Amino acid sequence: MAKPVEITDSNFEEVVLNSDKPVLIDFWAAWCGPCRMIAPMVEDLAKELEGQAVIGKLDVDKNPDTSVKYGVMSIPTLLVFKDGKVVDKHVGAGIPKSALANKVTAHI
């Protein structure tokens, strides 16, 4: 079973910027209630899009450099990368799974 990839400041370039697939990153923190609300949706997408896209989670408390670089000011923030560039973004927990999946699959 596929699970979201743990993305860190140190593996960001390798996992995200050098990926040949679209990458969805869930910027989150353990203390964030809305982050915990969308976590099952992110985990479902990791299973459903296995082999087609990379689904990852980045803990903003443990990885501040990447969070600052991409202007993440509130969490959860969901960024979609393609060819090393941000191609879509959603801030907050208020997004249906189908809409989030569409943001990713549009770039497959």
C-alpha atoms as a PDB file:
ATOM      1  CA  MET A   1       0.000   0.000   0.000  1.00  0.00           C
ATOM      2  CA  ALA A   2       1.348   3.378  -0.970  1.00  0.00           C
ATOM      3  CA  LYS A   3       1.695   5.990   1.719  1.00  0.00           C
ATOM      4  CA  PRO A   4       2.560   9.668   1.400  1.00  0.00           C
ATOM      5  CA  VAL A   5       6.294  10.257   1.058  1.00  0.00           C
ATOM      6  CA  GLU A   6       7.921  12.166   3.912  1.00  0.00           C
ATOM      7  CA  ILE A   7       9.395  15.264   2.298  1.00  0.00           C
ATOM      8  CA  THR A   8      12.107  17.197   4.127  1.00  0.00           C
ATOM      9  CA  ASP A   9      14.325  20.188   3.486  1.00  0.00           C
ATOM     10  CA  SER A  10      17.146  17.752   2.690  1.00  0.00           C
ATOM     11  CA  ASN A  11      15.286  15.478   0.212  1.00  0.00           C
ATOM     12  CA  PHE A  12      13.080  18.169  -1.374  1.00  0.00           C
ATOM     13  CA  GLU A  13      15.192  18.648  -4.495  1.00  0.00           C
ATOM     14  CA  GLU A  14      15.484  14.915  -5.158  1.00  0.00           C
ATOM     15  CA  VAL A  15      11.851  13.969  -4.427  1.00  0.00           C
ATOM     16  CA  VAL A  16      10.038  17.053  -5.737  1.00  0.00           C
ATOM     17  CA  LEU A  17      12.124  19.155  -8.096  1.00  0.00           C
ATOM     18  CA  ASN A  18      13.671  16.191  -9.938  1.00  0.00           C
ATOM     19  CA  SER A  19      10.452  14.142 -10.171  1.00  0.00           C
ATOM     20  CA  ASP A  20       9.236  13.106 -13.616  1.00  0.00           C
ATOM     21  CA  LYS A  21       5.690  12.911 -12.202  1.00  0.00           C
ATOM     22  CA  PRO A  22       3.472  15.602 -10.687  1.00  0.00           C
ATOM     23  CA  VAL A  23       4.006  15.993  -6.941  1.00  0.00           C
ATOM     24  CA  LEU A  24       1.367  16.992  -4.382  1.00  0.00           C
ATOM     25  CA  ILE A  25       2.805  18.234  -1.098  1.00  0.00           C
ATOM     26  CA  ASP A  26       0.712  18.612   2.033  1.00  0.00           C
ATOM     27  CA  PHE A  27       2.424  21.232   4.219  1.00  0.00           C
ATOM     28  CA  TRP A  28       1.257  20.341   7.741  1.00  0.00           C
ATOM     29  CA  ALA A  29       2.125  20.244  11.453  1.00  0.00           C
ATOM     30  CA  ALA A  30       1.222  17.799  14.231  1.00  0.00           C
ATOM     31  CA  TRP A  31      -0.600  20.504  16.247  1.00  0.00           C
ATOM     32  CA  CYS A  32      -2.803  21.597  13.299  1.00  0.00           C
ATOM     33  CA  GLY A  33      -6.416  20.364  13.571  1.00  0.00           C
ATOM     34  CA  PRO A  34      -7.388  21.061   9.931  1.00  0.00           C
ATOM     35  CA  CYS A  35      -4.194  19.251   8.840  1.00  0.00           C
ATOM     36  CA  ARG A  36      -5.336  16.158  10.707  1.00  0.00           C
ATOM     37  CA  MET A  37      -8.765  16.498   9.063  1.00  0.00           C
ATOM     38  CA  ILE A  38      -7.362  16.251   5.523  1.00  0.00           C
ATOM     39  CA  ALA A  39      -4.661  13.655   6.324  1.00  0.00           C
ATOM     40  CA  PRO A  40      -6.896  10.656   5.416  1.00  0.00           C
ATOM     41  CA  MET A  41      -7.703  12.272   2.062  1.00  0.00           C
ATOM     42  CA  VAL A  42      -3.994  12.767   1.311  1.00  0.00           C
ATOM     43  CA  GLU A  43      -3.314   9.140   2.293  1.00  0.00           C
ATOM     44  CA  ASP A  44      -6.131   7.936   0.003  1.00  0.00           C
ATOM     45  CA  LEU A  45      -4.691   9.913  -2.911  1.00  0.00           C
ATOM     46  CA  ALA A  46      -1.266   8.344  -2.314  1.00  0.00           C
ATOM     47  CA  LYS A  47      -2.862   4.921  -2.817  1.00  0.00           C
ATOM     48  CA  GLU A  48      -5.137   5.917  -5.712  1.00  0.00           C
ATOM     49  CA  LEU A  49      -2.454   7.762  -7.695  1.00  0.00           C
ATOM     50  CA  GLU A  50       0.412   5.348  -6.992  1.00  0.00           C
ATOM     51  CA  GLY A  51       2.694   5.196 -10.024  1.00  0.00           C
ATOM     52  CA  GLN A  52       1.083   8.264 -11.590  1.00  0.00           C
ATOM     53  CA  ALA A  53       2.016  10.996  -9.109  1.00  0.00           C
ATOM     54  CA  VAL A  54       4.058  11.514  -5.956  1.00  0.00           C
ATOM     55  CA  ILE A  55       2.005  12.398  -2.882  1.00  0.00           C
ATOM     56  CA  GLY A  56       4.020  13.755   0.024  1.00  0.00           C
ATOM     57  CA  LYS A  57       3.779  15.448   3.381  1.00  0.00           C
ATOM     58  CA  LEU A  58       6.151  18.090   4.707  1.00  0.00           C
ATOM     59  CA  ASP A  59       6.133  18.943   8.418  1.00  0.00           C
ATOM     60  CA  VAL A  60       6.568  22.728   8.521  1.00  0.00           C
ATOM     61  CA  ASP A  61       7.959  22.682  12.071  1.00  0.00           C
ATOM     62  CA  LYS A  62      10.756  20.276  11.149  1.00  0.00           C
ATOM     63  CA  ASN A  63      11.419  21.725   7.675  1.00  0.00           C
ATOM     64  CA  PRO A  64      11.162  25.517   7.868  1.00  0.00           C
ATOM     65  CA  ASP A  65      13.453  26.286   4.907  1.00  0.00           C
ATOM     66  CA  THR A  66      11.187  24.797   2.245  1.00  0.00           C
ATOM     67  CA  SER A  67       8.079  26.243   3.868  1.00  0.00           C
ATOM     68  CA  VAL A  68       9.579  29.753   3.810  1.00  0.00           C
ATOM     69  CA  LYS A  69      10.937  29.359   0.269  1.00  0.00           C
ATOM     70  CA  TYR A  70       7.452  28.589  -1.070  1.00  0.00           C
ATOM     71  CA  GLY A  71       5.656  31.222   1.017  1.00  0.00           C
ATOM     72  CA  VAL A  72       3.640  28.816   3.152  1.00  0.00           C
ATOM     73  CA  MET A  73       2.026  31.163   5.684  1.00  0.00           C
ATOM     74  CA  SER A  74      -0.860  29.004   6.901  1.00  0.00           C
ATOM     75  CA  ILE A  75      -1.472  25.297   7.012  1.00  0.00           C
ATOM     76  CA  PRO A  76      -2.630  23.058   5.608  1.00  0.00           C
ATOM     77  CA  THR A  77      -1.255  24.295   2.295  1.00  0.00           C
ATOM     78  CA  LEU A  78      -1.326  21.905  -0.638  1.00  0.00           C
ATOM     79  CA  LEU A  79       1.037  22.610  -3.528  1.00  0.00           C
ATOM     80  CA  VAL A  80       1.177  20.732  -6.828  1.00  0.00           C
ATOM     81  CA  PHE A  81       4.554  20.699  -8.583  1.00  0.00           C
ATOM     82  CA  LYS A  82       5.251  19.726 -12.176  1.00  0.00           C
ATOM     83  CA  ASP A  83       8.731  19.895 -13.712  1.00  0.00           C
ATOM     84  CA  GLY A  84      10.045  21.557 -10.547  1.00  0.00           C
ATOM     85  CA  LYS A  85       7.529  24.423 -10.568  1.00  0.00           C
ATOM     86  CA  VAL A  86       4.372  25.104  -8.556  1.00  0.00           C
ATOM     87  CA  VAL A  87       1.434  24.620 -10.936  1.00  0.00           C
ATOM     88  CA  ASP A  88      -1.460  24.634  -8.462  1.00  0.00           C
ATOM     89  CA  LYS A  89      -2.162  25.573  -4.852  1.00  0.00           C
ATOM     90  CA  HIS A  90      -4.864  25.226  -2.223  1.00  0.00           C
ATOM     91  CA  VAL A  91      -4.805  26.694   1.291  1.00  0.00           C
ATOM     92  CA  GLY A  92      -7.033  25.281   4.009  1.00  0.00           C
ATOM     93  CA  ALA A  93      -8.892  22.053   4.632  1.00  0.00           C
ATOM     94  CA  GLY A  94     -12.032  22.959   2.667  1.00  0.00           C
ATOM     95  CA  ILE A  95     -11.527  20.995  -0.525  1.00  0.00           C
ATOM     96  CA  PRO A  96     -13.273  17.795  -1.631  1.00  0.00           C
ATOM     97  CA  LYS A  97     -11.008  14.844  -2.406  1.00  0.00           C
ATOM     98  CA  SER A  98     -12.198  14.785  -6.023  1.00  0.00           C
ATOM     99  CA  ALA A  99     -11.201  18.432  -6.508  1.00  0.00           C
ATOM    100  CA  LEU A 100      -7.775  17.820  -4.992  1.00  0.00           C
ATOM    101  CA  ALA A 101      -7.311  14.724  -7.159  1.00  0.00           C
ATOM    102  CA  ASN A 102      -8.212  16.795 -10.239  1.00  0.00           C
ATOM    103  CA  LYS A 103      -5.523  19.357  -9.346  1.00  0.00           C
ATOM    104  CA  VAL A 104      -2.962  16.536  -9.506  1.00  0.00           C
ATOM    105  CA  THR A 105      -4.313  14.458 -12.401  1.00  0.00           C
ATOM    106  CA  ALA A 106      -4.511  17.554 -14.618  1.00  0.00           C
ATOM    107  CA  HIS A 107      -0.706  17.395 -14.750  1.00  0.00           C
ATOM    108  CA  ILE A 108      -0.205  13.668 -15.361  1.00  0.00           C
END
